[in-house]
């Protein structure tokens, strides 16, 4: 088959952060081959630092916001990806994670999460006071713009896992319904 005739699938992600764009490209290309990912900045309509279910609401708001942009501008995308970083309390400890929501052009949904990892209490205090994890990590590490680089996960795993890998895992989980349509969706 002539590879030049293979159609490229278009995907929109609700961020212009290169880490989120690259993670989306890697996750989708695993299942769908050639993909084009376009980042569009959108408001999640949730707190700067989402807590608990608010994380999934933010991801969902981004995904459906992208679907609206797609419909208005005739961008012909097949999937719309919302990624939202949040914190949640489990087993009396605070964890951070990424909540993922993927919507397709038929408005079917898939949700996933990144792995969860525990945050130190001194960071949690700042987050519960309204600060965003990226800002807190910049001050904590003395680096700038960590959320566009290794992120908190990269710092705390000593570089073993970076933010892109973290997101790829969550996106692969959110894609499960779309690669098992016969089980998840009624046709």
N, C-alpha and C. Protein backbone atom coordinates (compact mmCIF):
# COMPACT_ATOMS: atom_id res chain seq x y z
N UNK A 1 0.85 -1.20 0.00
CA UNK A 1 0.00 0.00 0.00
C UNK A 1 0.88 1.25 0.00
N UNK A 2 0.52 2.21 -0.77
CA UNK A 2 1.25 3.47 -0.85
C UNK A 2 1.02 4.26 0.44
N UNK A 3 2.10 4.47 1.21
CA UNK A 3 1.97 5.16 2.51
C UNK A 3 1.53 6.61 2.36
N UNK A 4 1.72 7.20 1.19
CA UNK A 4 1.29 8.58 0.99
C UNK A 4 -0.24 8.69 0.93
N UNK A 5 -0.91 7.54 0.72
CA UNK A 5 -2.37 7.55 0.63
C UNK A 5 -3.04 7.21 1.96
N UNK A 6 -2.23 6.92 2.97
CA UNK A 6 -2.78 6.64 4.30
C UNK A 6 -3.26 7.96 4.89
N UNK A 7 -4.50 7.96 5.30
CA UNK A 7 -5.08 9.18 5.85
C UNK A 7 -4.52 9.49 7.23
N UNK A 8 -4.28 10.76 7.48
CA UNK A 8 -3.80 11.21 8.78
C UNK A 8 -5.00 11.61 9.62
N UNK A 9 -5.09 11.07 10.83
CA UNK A 9 -6.18 11.40 11.74
C UNK A 9 -5.85 12.70 12.47
N UNK A 10 -6.82 13.60 12.52
CA UNK A 10 -6.62 14.89 13.18
C UNK A 10 -7.22 14.84 14.59
N UNK A 11 -6.43 15.33 15.55
CA UNK A 11 -6.82 15.32 16.96
C UNK A 11 -6.56 16.71 17.53
N UNK A 12 -7.50 17.20 18.32
CA UNK A 12 -7.32 18.47 19.01
C UNK A 12 -7.10 18.20 20.49
N UNK A 13 -6.15 18.92 21.08
CA UNK A 13 -5.90 18.82 22.52
C UNK A 13 -6.06 20.21 23.12
N UNK A 14 -6.69 20.28 24.29
CA UNK A 14 -7.04 21.57 24.90
C UNK A 14 -5.91 22.22 25.65
N UNK A 15 -4.79 22.43 24.98
CA UNK A 15 -3.62 23.06 25.58
C UNK A 15 -2.62 23.37 24.48
N UNK A 16 -1.80 24.38 24.71
CA UNK A 16 -0.69 24.64 23.80
C UNK A 16 0.62 24.19 24.43
N UNK A 17 0.54 23.51 25.57
CA UNK A 17 1.72 22.98 26.24
C UNK A 17 2.31 21.87 25.37
N UNK A 18 3.57 22.01 24.94
CA UNK A 18 4.16 21.01 24.05
C UNK A 18 4.21 19.61 24.67
N UNK A 19 4.29 19.50 25.98
CA UNK A 19 4.30 18.19 26.64
C UNK A 19 2.96 17.48 26.40
N UNK A 20 1.86 18.19 26.55
CA UNK A 20 0.53 17.60 26.35
C UNK A 20 0.30 17.25 24.88
N UNK A 21 0.77 18.09 23.99
CA UNK A 21 0.63 17.84 22.55
C UNK A 21 1.42 16.60 22.15
N UNK A 22 2.65 16.50 22.59
CA UNK A 22 3.50 15.34 22.24
C UNK A 22 2.97 14.06 22.88
N UNK A 23 2.47 14.14 24.10
CA UNK A 23 1.91 12.95 24.76
C UNK A 23 0.68 12.46 24.00
N UNK A 24 -0.15 13.39 23.56
CA UNK A 24 -1.34 13.03 22.79
C UNK A 24 -0.94 12.37 21.48
N UNK A 25 0.04 12.93 20.81
CA UNK A 25 0.52 12.37 19.54
C UNK A 25 1.03 10.95 19.75
N UNK A 26 1.83 10.74 20.77
CA UNK A 26 2.39 9.41 21.02
C UNK A 26 1.30 8.39 21.36
N UNK A 27 0.38 8.76 22.24
CA UNK A 27 -0.67 7.82 22.66
C UNK A 27 -1.57 7.44 21.47
N UNK A 28 -2.02 8.42 20.72
CA UNK A 28 -2.93 8.14 19.60
C UNK A 28 -2.23 7.39 18.47
N UNK A 29 -0.98 7.72 18.21
CA UNK A 29 -0.27 7.03 17.12
C UNK A 29 -0.03 5.56 17.46
N UNK A 30 -0.03 5.21 18.73
CA UNK A 30 0.09 3.81 19.14
C UNK A 30 -1.02 2.97 18.55
N UNK A 31 -2.23 3.50 18.53
CA UNK A 31 -3.38 2.77 18.01
C UNK A 31 -3.77 3.14 16.58
N UNK A 32 -3.55 4.38 16.20
CA UNK A 32 -4.11 4.87 14.94
C UNK A 32 -3.09 5.23 13.88
N UNK A 33 -1.81 5.03 14.15
CA UNK A 33 -0.80 5.32 13.13
C UNK A 33 -0.55 6.80 12.95
N UNK A 34 -0.78 7.28 11.74
CA UNK A 34 -0.47 8.67 11.42
C UNK A 34 -1.51 9.62 12.03
N UNK A 35 -1.03 10.51 12.87
CA UNK A 35 -1.91 11.48 13.50
C UNK A 35 -1.30 12.87 13.41
N UNK A 36 -2.19 13.82 13.39
CA UNK A 36 -1.80 15.24 13.46
C UNK A 36 -2.50 15.80 14.70
N UNK A 37 -1.72 16.39 15.58
CA UNK A 37 -2.28 16.92 16.83
C UNK A 37 -2.12 18.44 16.83
N UNK A 38 -3.23 19.11 17.08
CA UNK A 38 -3.23 20.57 17.16
C UNK A 38 -3.63 20.98 18.58
N UNK A 39 -2.80 21.81 19.19
CA UNK A 39 -3.11 22.32 20.52
C UNK A 39 -3.87 23.63 20.43
N UNK A 40 -4.95 23.71 21.17
CA UNK A 40 -5.77 24.92 21.23
C UNK A 40 -5.97 25.26 22.70
N UNK A 41 -5.60 26.46 23.07
CA UNK A 41 -5.74 26.88 24.46
C UNK A 41 -7.22 27.11 24.78
N UNK A 42 -7.67 26.45 25.86
CA UNK A 42 -9.06 26.56 26.30
C UNK A 42 -9.11 26.68 27.81
N UNK A 43 -10.10 27.37 28.30
CA UNK A 43 -10.32 27.46 29.74
C UNK A 43 -11.01 26.18 30.21
N UNK A 44 -10.50 25.61 31.28
CA UNK A 44 -11.10 24.37 31.82
C UNK A 44 -12.37 24.65 32.62
N UNK A 45 -12.59 25.91 32.99
CA UNK A 45 -13.75 26.33 33.78
C UNK A 45 -13.78 25.68 35.16
N UNK A 46 -12.59 25.35 35.68
CA UNK A 46 -12.47 24.85 37.04
C UNK A 46 -11.36 25.63 37.73
N UNK A 47 -11.13 25.35 38.99
CA UNK A 47 -10.08 26.04 39.75
C UNK A 47 -8.72 25.89 39.10
N UNK A 48 -7.84 26.82 39.43
CA UNK A 48 -6.47 26.78 38.93
C UNK A 48 -5.80 25.45 39.33
N UNK A 49 -6.10 24.98 40.54
CA UNK A 49 -5.61 23.68 40.99
C UNK A 49 -6.80 22.81 41.36
N UNK A 50 -7.30 22.03 40.41
CA UNK A 50 -8.47 21.21 40.66
C UNK A 50 -8.23 20.15 41.75
N UNK A 51 -9.31 19.87 42.49
CA UNK A 51 -9.27 18.88 43.56
C UNK A 51 -10.38 17.86 43.29
N UNK A 52 -10.03 16.58 43.46
CA UNK A 52 -10.98 15.47 43.32
C UNK A 52 -11.67 15.47 41.96
N UNK A 53 -13.00 15.32 41.94
CA UNK A 53 -13.76 15.22 40.68
C UNK A 53 -13.64 16.45 39.80
N UNK A 54 -13.29 17.57 40.38
CA UNK A 54 -13.12 18.81 39.61
C UNK A 54 -12.07 18.59 38.50
N UNK A 55 -11.12 17.70 38.75
CA UNK A 55 -10.10 17.39 37.75
C UNK A 55 -10.74 16.82 36.49
N UNK A 56 -11.68 15.89 36.67
CA UNK A 56 -12.36 15.28 35.52
C UNK A 56 -13.32 16.27 34.86
N UNK A 57 -13.95 17.13 35.65
CA UNK A 57 -14.81 18.16 35.07
C UNK A 57 -13.99 19.07 34.16
N UNK A 58 -12.80 19.45 34.61
CA UNK A 58 -11.93 20.31 33.80
C UNK A 58 -11.52 19.64 32.50
N UNK A 59 -11.14 18.37 32.58
CA UNK A 59 -10.74 17.63 31.38
C UNK A 59 -11.93 17.51 30.41
N UNK A 60 -13.10 17.22 30.95
CA UNK A 60 -14.30 17.09 30.12
C UNK A 60 -14.67 18.43 29.48
N UNK A 61 -14.59 19.51 30.27
CA UNK A 61 -14.89 20.84 29.72
C UNK A 61 -13.97 21.18 28.56
N UNK A 62 -12.70 20.84 28.70
CA UNK A 62 -11.75 21.11 27.62
C UNK A 62 -12.10 20.29 26.37
N UNK A 63 -12.39 19.00 26.56
CA UNK A 63 -12.69 18.12 25.42
C UNK A 63 -13.93 18.61 24.67
N UNK A 64 -15.00 18.91 25.40
CA UNK A 64 -16.22 19.37 24.73
C UNK A 64 -16.05 20.78 24.16
N UNK A 65 -15.23 21.60 24.80
CA UNK A 65 -14.92 22.92 24.24
C UNK A 65 -14.22 22.79 22.89
N UNK A 66 -13.34 21.82 22.78
CA UNK A 66 -12.65 21.57 21.52
C UNK A 66 -13.62 21.08 20.44
N UNK A 67 -14.54 20.24 20.84
CA UNK A 67 -15.55 19.73 19.89
C UNK A 67 -16.33 20.91 19.31
N UNK A 68 -16.68 21.88 20.16
CA UNK A 68 -17.39 23.08 19.69
C UNK A 68 -16.54 23.90 18.73
N UNK A 69 -15.27 24.09 19.07
CA UNK A 69 -14.36 24.83 18.18
C UNK A 69 -14.25 24.10 16.84
N UNK A 70 -14.13 22.79 16.90
CA UNK A 70 -14.04 21.98 15.69
C UNK A 70 -15.27 22.17 14.80
N UNK A 71 -16.44 22.12 15.41
CA UNK A 71 -17.68 22.27 14.66
C UNK A 71 -17.81 23.67 14.06
N UNK A 72 -17.43 24.69 14.85
CA UNK A 72 -17.53 26.08 14.37
C UNK A 72 -16.57 26.37 13.23
N UNK A 73 -15.35 25.82 13.33
CA UNK A 73 -14.30 26.16 12.36
C UNK A 73 -14.07 25.08 11.30
N UNK A 74 -14.90 24.04 11.30
CA UNK A 74 -14.74 22.94 10.33
C UNK A 74 -13.32 22.41 10.27
N UNK A 75 -12.76 22.06 11.41
CA UNK A 75 -11.38 21.59 11.48
C UNK A 75 -11.25 20.10 11.13
N UNK A 76 -12.36 19.39 11.09
CA UNK A 76 -12.39 17.98 10.70
C UNK A 76 -11.57 17.06 11.61
N UNK A 77 -11.53 17.38 12.88
CA UNK A 77 -10.84 16.49 13.82
C UNK A 77 -11.76 15.32 14.19
N UNK A 78 -11.14 14.22 14.54
CA UNK A 78 -11.87 13.00 14.90
C UNK A 78 -11.99 12.87 16.43
N UNK A 79 -10.96 13.34 17.16
CA UNK A 79 -10.94 13.23 18.61
C UNK A 79 -10.58 14.56 19.25
N UNK A 80 -11.08 14.74 20.50
CA UNK A 80 -10.88 15.96 21.26
C UNK A 80 -10.42 15.56 22.66
N UNK A 81 -9.26 16.09 23.07
CA UNK A 81 -8.59 15.60 24.28
C UNK A 81 -8.49 16.70 25.33
N UNK A 82 -9.01 16.41 26.51
CA UNK A 82 -8.84 17.28 27.66
C UNK A 82 -7.94 16.60 28.67
N UNK A 83 -6.93 17.32 29.12
CA UNK A 83 -5.99 16.82 30.13
C UNK A 83 -5.98 17.84 31.26
N UNK A 84 -6.22 17.38 32.46
CA UNK A 84 -6.26 18.29 33.61
C UNK A 84 -5.48 17.67 34.77
N UNK A 85 -4.54 18.42 35.31
CA UNK A 85 -3.79 17.96 36.49
C UNK A 85 -4.56 18.28 37.75
N UNK A 86 -4.63 17.33 38.66
CA UNK A 86 -5.37 17.56 39.89
C UNK A 86 -4.74 16.86 41.07
N UNK A 87 -5.38 17.06 42.21
CA UNK A 87 -4.96 16.37 43.44
C UNK A 87 -6.19 15.73 44.07
N UNK A 88 -5.95 14.67 44.80
CA UNK A 88 -7.04 13.98 45.48
C UNK A 88 -6.52 13.33 46.75
N UNK A 89 -7.40 13.19 47.72
CA UNK A 89 -7.03 12.57 48.98
C UNK A 89 -7.52 11.13 48.98
N UNK A 90 -6.58 10.21 49.14
CA UNK A 90 -6.86 8.78 49.21
C UNK A 90 -6.09 8.21 50.39
N UNK A 91 -6.75 7.38 51.17
CA UNK A 91 -6.08 6.69 52.28
C UNK A 91 -5.37 7.70 53.20
N UNK A 92 -6.03 8.84 53.44
CA UNK A 92 -5.52 9.91 54.31
C UNK A 92 -4.23 10.57 53.81
N UNK A 93 -3.98 10.47 52.53
CA UNK A 93 -2.79 11.09 51.94
C UNK A 93 -3.20 11.82 50.66
N UNK A 94 -2.44 12.85 50.29
CA UNK A 94 -2.73 13.61 49.09
C UNK A 94 -1.86 13.14 47.94
N UNK A 95 -2.51 12.90 46.81
CA UNK A 95 -1.84 12.44 45.60
C UNK A 95 -2.12 13.42 44.47
N UNK A 96 -1.22 13.46 43.51
CA UNK A 96 -1.46 14.21 42.28
C UNK A 96 -1.61 13.21 41.13
N UNK A 97 -2.34 13.63 40.13
CA UNK A 97 -2.60 12.78 38.96
C UNK A 97 -3.09 13.66 37.82
N UNK A 98 -3.11 13.08 36.65
CA UNK A 98 -3.71 13.74 35.50
C UNK A 98 -5.01 13.05 35.15
N UNK A 99 -6.08 13.83 35.02
CA UNK A 99 -7.37 13.30 34.58
C UNK A 99 -7.50 13.54 33.09
N UNK A 100 -7.91 12.51 32.37
CA UNK A 100 -8.02 12.58 30.91
C UNK A 100 -9.47 12.37 30.49
N UNK A 101 -9.91 13.15 29.53
CA UNK A 101 -11.21 12.92 28.90
C UNK A 101 -11.01 13.03 27.39
N UNK A 102 -11.43 11.98 26.70
CA UNK A 102 -11.38 11.98 25.24
C UNK A 102 -12.82 11.87 24.73
N UNK A 103 -13.15 12.76 23.81
CA UNK A 103 -14.45 12.75 23.16
C UNK A 103 -14.19 12.54 21.67
N UNK A 104 -14.99 11.70 21.03
CA UNK A 104 -14.82 11.54 19.58
C UNK A 104 -15.86 12.37 18.84
N UNK A 105 -15.82 12.32 17.53
CA UNK A 105 -16.71 13.14 16.72
C UNK A 105 -18.17 12.70 16.81
N UNK A 106 -18.44 11.57 17.47
CA UNK A 106 -19.81 11.12 17.73
C UNK A 106 -20.22 11.39 19.18
N UNK A 107 -19.39 12.15 19.88
CA UNK A 107 -19.61 12.54 21.29
C UNK A 107 -19.58 11.36 22.26
N UNK A 108 -18.86 10.31 21.90
CA UNK A 108 -18.63 9.21 22.83
C UNK A 108 -17.44 9.59 23.70
N UNK A 109 -17.46 9.12 24.94
CA UNK A 109 -16.46 9.54 25.94
C UNK A 109 -15.59 8.39 26.40
N UNK A 110 -14.35 8.73 26.71
CA UNK A 110 -13.43 7.83 27.38
C UNK A 110 -12.68 8.61 28.44
N UNK A 111 -12.56 8.05 29.63
CA UNK A 111 -11.83 8.69 30.73
C UNK A 111 -10.64 7.82 31.13
N UNK A 112 -9.61 8.46 31.60
CA UNK A 112 -8.45 7.75 32.11
C UNK A 112 -7.71 8.60 33.11
N UNK A 113 -6.75 8.00 33.75
CA UNK A 113 -5.88 8.74 34.67
C UNK A 113 -4.44 8.32 34.44
N UNK A 114 -3.57 9.20 34.79
CA UNK A 114 -2.15 8.87 34.89
C UNK A 114 -1.98 8.04 36.16
N UNK A 115 -0.77 7.55 36.39
CA UNK A 115 -0.52 7.00 37.73
C UNK A 115 -0.70 8.11 38.78
N UNK A 116 -0.97 7.71 40.00
CA UNK A 116 -1.06 8.65 41.13
C UNK A 116 0.26 8.60 41.88
N UNK A 117 0.72 9.75 42.39
CA UNK A 117 1.85 9.69 43.31
C UNK A 117 1.63 10.68 44.44
N UNK A 118 2.15 10.30 45.60
CA UNK A 118 1.95 11.08 46.82
C UNK A 118 2.78 12.35 46.78
N UNK A 119 2.19 13.43 47.28
CA UNK A 119 2.88 14.72 47.37
C UNK A 119 3.31 14.98 48.81
N UNK A 120 4.44 15.67 48.98
CA UNK A 120 4.87 16.06 50.33
C UNK A 120 3.90 17.06 50.95
N UNK A 121 3.74 16.99 52.24
CA UNK A 121 2.79 17.85 52.96
C UNK A 121 3.04 19.34 52.72
N UNK A 122 4.31 19.76 52.66
CA UNK A 122 4.59 21.20 52.46
C UNK A 122 4.12 21.69 51.09
N UNK A 123 4.06 20.83 50.11
CA UNK A 123 3.53 21.20 48.80
C UNK A 123 2.01 21.19 48.84
N UNK A 124 1.43 20.19 49.47
CA UNK A 124 -0.03 20.07 49.58
C UNK A 124 -0.62 21.31 50.24
N UNK A 125 0.02 21.80 51.30
CA UNK A 125 -0.48 22.99 52.01
C UNK A 125 -0.63 24.16 51.05
N UNK A 126 0.36 24.37 50.20
CA UNK A 126 0.31 25.48 49.22
C UNK A 126 -0.81 25.26 48.20
N UNK A 127 -0.98 24.00 47.76
CA UNK A 127 -2.02 23.70 46.78
C UNK A 127 -3.41 23.92 47.35
N UNK A 128 -3.60 23.52 48.61
CA UNK A 128 -4.90 23.71 49.25
C UNK A 128 -5.20 25.18 49.54
N UNK A 129 -4.15 26.00 49.50
CA UNK A 129 -4.32 27.45 49.67
C UNK A 129 -4.57 28.15 48.35
N UNK A 130 -4.64 27.39 47.25
CA UNK A 130 -4.99 27.98 45.96
C UNK A 130 -3.89 28.05 44.93
N UNK A 131 -2.67 27.65 45.29
CA UNK A 131 -1.57 27.69 44.32
C UNK A 131 -1.69 26.50 43.36
N UNK A 132 -1.11 26.64 42.18
CA UNK A 132 -1.09 25.56 41.18
C UNK A 132 0.21 24.78 41.33
N UNK A 133 0.14 23.47 41.12
CA UNK A 133 1.31 22.60 41.30
C UNK A 133 2.51 23.07 40.49
N UNK A 134 2.31 23.47 39.25
CA UNK A 134 3.43 23.95 38.43
C UNK A 134 4.17 25.12 39.06
N UNK A 135 3.42 26.08 39.59
CA UNK A 135 4.03 27.25 40.25
C UNK A 135 4.79 26.82 41.50
N UNK A 136 4.18 25.94 42.28
CA UNK A 136 4.80 25.47 43.52
C UNK A 136 6.09 24.70 43.19
N UNK A 137 6.05 23.87 42.15
CA UNK A 137 7.23 23.10 41.77
C UNK A 137 8.35 24.00 41.27
N UNK A 138 8.01 25.09 40.57
CA UNK A 138 9.03 26.03 40.12
C UNK A 138 9.78 26.60 41.33
N UNK A 139 9.04 26.99 42.35
CA UNK A 139 9.67 27.55 43.56
C UNK A 139 10.42 26.46 44.32
N UNK A 140 9.83 25.29 44.43
CA UNK A 140 10.42 24.17 45.18
C UNK A 140 11.74 23.72 44.56
N UNK A 141 11.79 23.67 43.21
CA UNK A 141 12.99 23.18 42.53
C UNK A 141 13.97 24.28 42.14
N UNK A 142 13.50 25.55 42.13
CA UNK A 142 14.34 26.64 41.67
C UNK A 142 14.44 26.69 40.15
N UNK A 143 13.61 25.91 39.48
CA UNK A 143 13.61 25.89 38.02
C UNK A 143 12.42 26.72 37.51
N UNK A 144 12.42 26.99 36.21
CA UNK A 144 11.31 27.73 35.62
C UNK A 144 10.53 26.85 34.66
N UNK A 145 9.21 27.04 34.67
CA UNK A 145 8.32 26.39 33.71
C UNK A 145 8.43 24.86 33.73
N UNK A 146 8.48 24.28 34.92
CA UNK A 146 8.62 22.83 35.03
C UNK A 146 7.45 22.09 34.39
N UNK A 147 6.28 22.72 34.34
CA UNK A 147 5.13 22.02 33.76
C UNK A 147 5.23 21.87 32.24
N UNK A 148 6.15 22.57 31.62
CA UNK A 148 6.41 22.39 30.19
C UNK A 148 7.64 21.50 29.98
N UNK A 149 8.14 20.95 31.07
CA UNK A 149 9.34 20.09 30.99
C UNK A 149 9.04 18.79 31.71
N UNK A 150 9.85 18.47 32.71
CA UNK A 150 9.71 17.17 33.39
C UNK A 150 8.54 17.10 34.36
N UNK A 151 8.07 18.23 34.84
CA UNK A 151 6.96 18.26 35.78
C UNK A 151 7.34 17.72 37.14
N UNK A 152 6.35 17.71 38.04
CA UNK A 152 6.57 17.20 39.40
C UNK A 152 6.97 15.73 39.36
N UNK A 153 6.36 14.97 38.46
CA UNK A 153 6.67 13.54 38.38
C UNK A 153 8.13 13.32 38.02
N UNK A 154 8.68 14.13 37.14
CA UNK A 154 10.09 14.01 36.77
C UNK A 154 11.00 14.32 37.94
N UNK A 155 10.64 15.36 38.68
CA UNK A 155 11.45 15.72 39.85
C UNK A 155 11.43 14.61 40.90
N UNK A 156 10.23 14.15 41.24
CA UNK A 156 10.13 13.19 42.34
C UNK A 156 10.55 11.77 41.97
N UNK A 157 10.56 11.43 40.68
CA UNK A 157 11.07 10.11 40.28
C UNK A 157 12.55 10.19 39.93
N UNK A 158 13.16 11.33 40.18
CA UNK A 158 14.58 11.55 39.87
C UNK A 158 14.86 11.34 38.38
N UNK A 159 13.90 11.77 37.55
CA UNK A 159 14.08 11.72 36.11
C UNK A 159 13.74 10.38 35.47
N UNK A 160 13.28 9.42 36.24
CA UNK A 160 12.94 8.11 35.69
C UNK A 160 11.68 8.18 34.82
N UNK A 161 10.71 9.01 35.23
CA UNK A 161 9.51 9.23 34.41
C UNK A 161 9.33 10.73 34.25
N UNK A 162 9.10 11.17 33.01
CA UNK A 162 8.86 12.59 32.80
C UNK A 162 7.36 12.83 32.60
N UNK A 163 6.99 14.08 32.49
CA UNK A 163 5.59 14.46 32.40
C UNK A 163 4.93 13.90 31.14
N UNK A 164 5.66 13.86 30.04
CA UNK A 164 5.10 13.30 28.81
C UNK A 164 4.74 11.83 29.01
N UNK A 165 5.65 11.03 29.55
CA UNK A 165 5.38 9.60 29.78
C UNK A 165 4.17 9.44 30.71
N UNK A 166 4.11 10.28 31.72
CA UNK A 166 3.02 10.28 32.69
C UNK A 166 1.68 10.44 31.97
N UNK A 167 1.61 11.42 31.07
CA UNK A 167 0.38 11.69 30.32
C UNK A 167 0.08 10.61 29.30
N UNK A 168 1.10 10.08 28.64
CA UNK A 168 0.87 9.02 27.65
C UNK A 168 0.13 7.86 28.32
N UNK A 169 0.56 7.47 29.50
CA UNK A 169 -0.10 6.37 30.22
C UNK A 169 -1.58 6.67 30.46
N UNK A 170 -1.89 7.86 30.91
CA UNK A 170 -3.28 8.23 31.15
C UNK A 170 -4.11 8.26 29.88
N UNK A 171 -3.52 8.76 28.80
CA UNK A 171 -4.24 8.82 27.53
C UNK A 171 -4.49 7.42 26.96
N UNK A 172 -3.54 6.53 27.11
CA UNK A 172 -3.76 5.15 26.67
C UNK A 172 -4.95 4.54 27.41
N UNK A 173 -5.09 4.85 28.70
CA UNK A 173 -6.22 4.34 29.47
C UNK A 173 -7.53 4.95 28.97
N UNK A 174 -7.51 6.24 28.66
CA UNK A 174 -8.73 6.91 28.17
C UNK A 174 -9.12 6.44 26.77
N UNK A 175 -8.18 5.88 26.03
CA UNK A 175 -8.48 5.36 24.69
C UNK A 175 -9.09 3.96 24.71
N UNK A 176 -9.06 3.29 25.84
CA UNK A 176 -9.57 1.92 25.93
C UNK A 176 -10.98 1.78 25.33
N UNK A 177 -11.95 2.63 25.67
CA UNK A 177 -13.28 2.46 25.07
C UNK A 177 -13.27 2.57 23.54
N UNK A 178 -12.39 3.40 23.00
CA UNK A 178 -12.37 3.62 21.55
C UNK A 178 -11.70 2.48 20.78
N UNK A 179 -10.86 1.72 21.44
CA UNK A 179 -10.23 0.58 20.78
C UNK A 179 -10.95 -0.72 21.14
N UNK A 180 -12.03 -0.61 21.91
CA UNK A 180 -12.90 -1.73 22.25
C UNK A 180 -14.36 -1.29 22.10
N UNK A 181 -14.66 -0.66 20.98
CA UNK A 181 -15.98 -0.06 20.76
C UNK A 181 -17.12 -1.04 20.96
N UNK A 182 -16.93 -2.29 20.54
CA UNK A 182 -18.00 -3.29 20.64
C UNK A 182 -18.41 -3.57 22.07
N UNK A 183 -17.51 -3.34 23.02
CA UNK A 183 -17.80 -3.59 24.43
C UNK A 183 -18.32 -2.33 25.14
N UNK A 184 -17.80 -1.16 24.74
CA UNK A 184 -18.09 0.09 25.45
C UNK A 184 -19.23 0.91 24.85
N UNK A 185 -19.42 0.80 23.54
CA UNK A 185 -20.39 1.67 22.88
C UNK A 185 -21.42 0.84 22.12
N UNK A 186 -22.65 1.30 22.17
CA UNK A 186 -23.69 0.69 21.35
C UNK A 186 -23.65 1.35 19.98
N UNK A 187 -23.55 0.54 18.98
CA UNK A 187 -23.46 1.08 17.59
C UNK A 187 -24.82 1.23 16.99
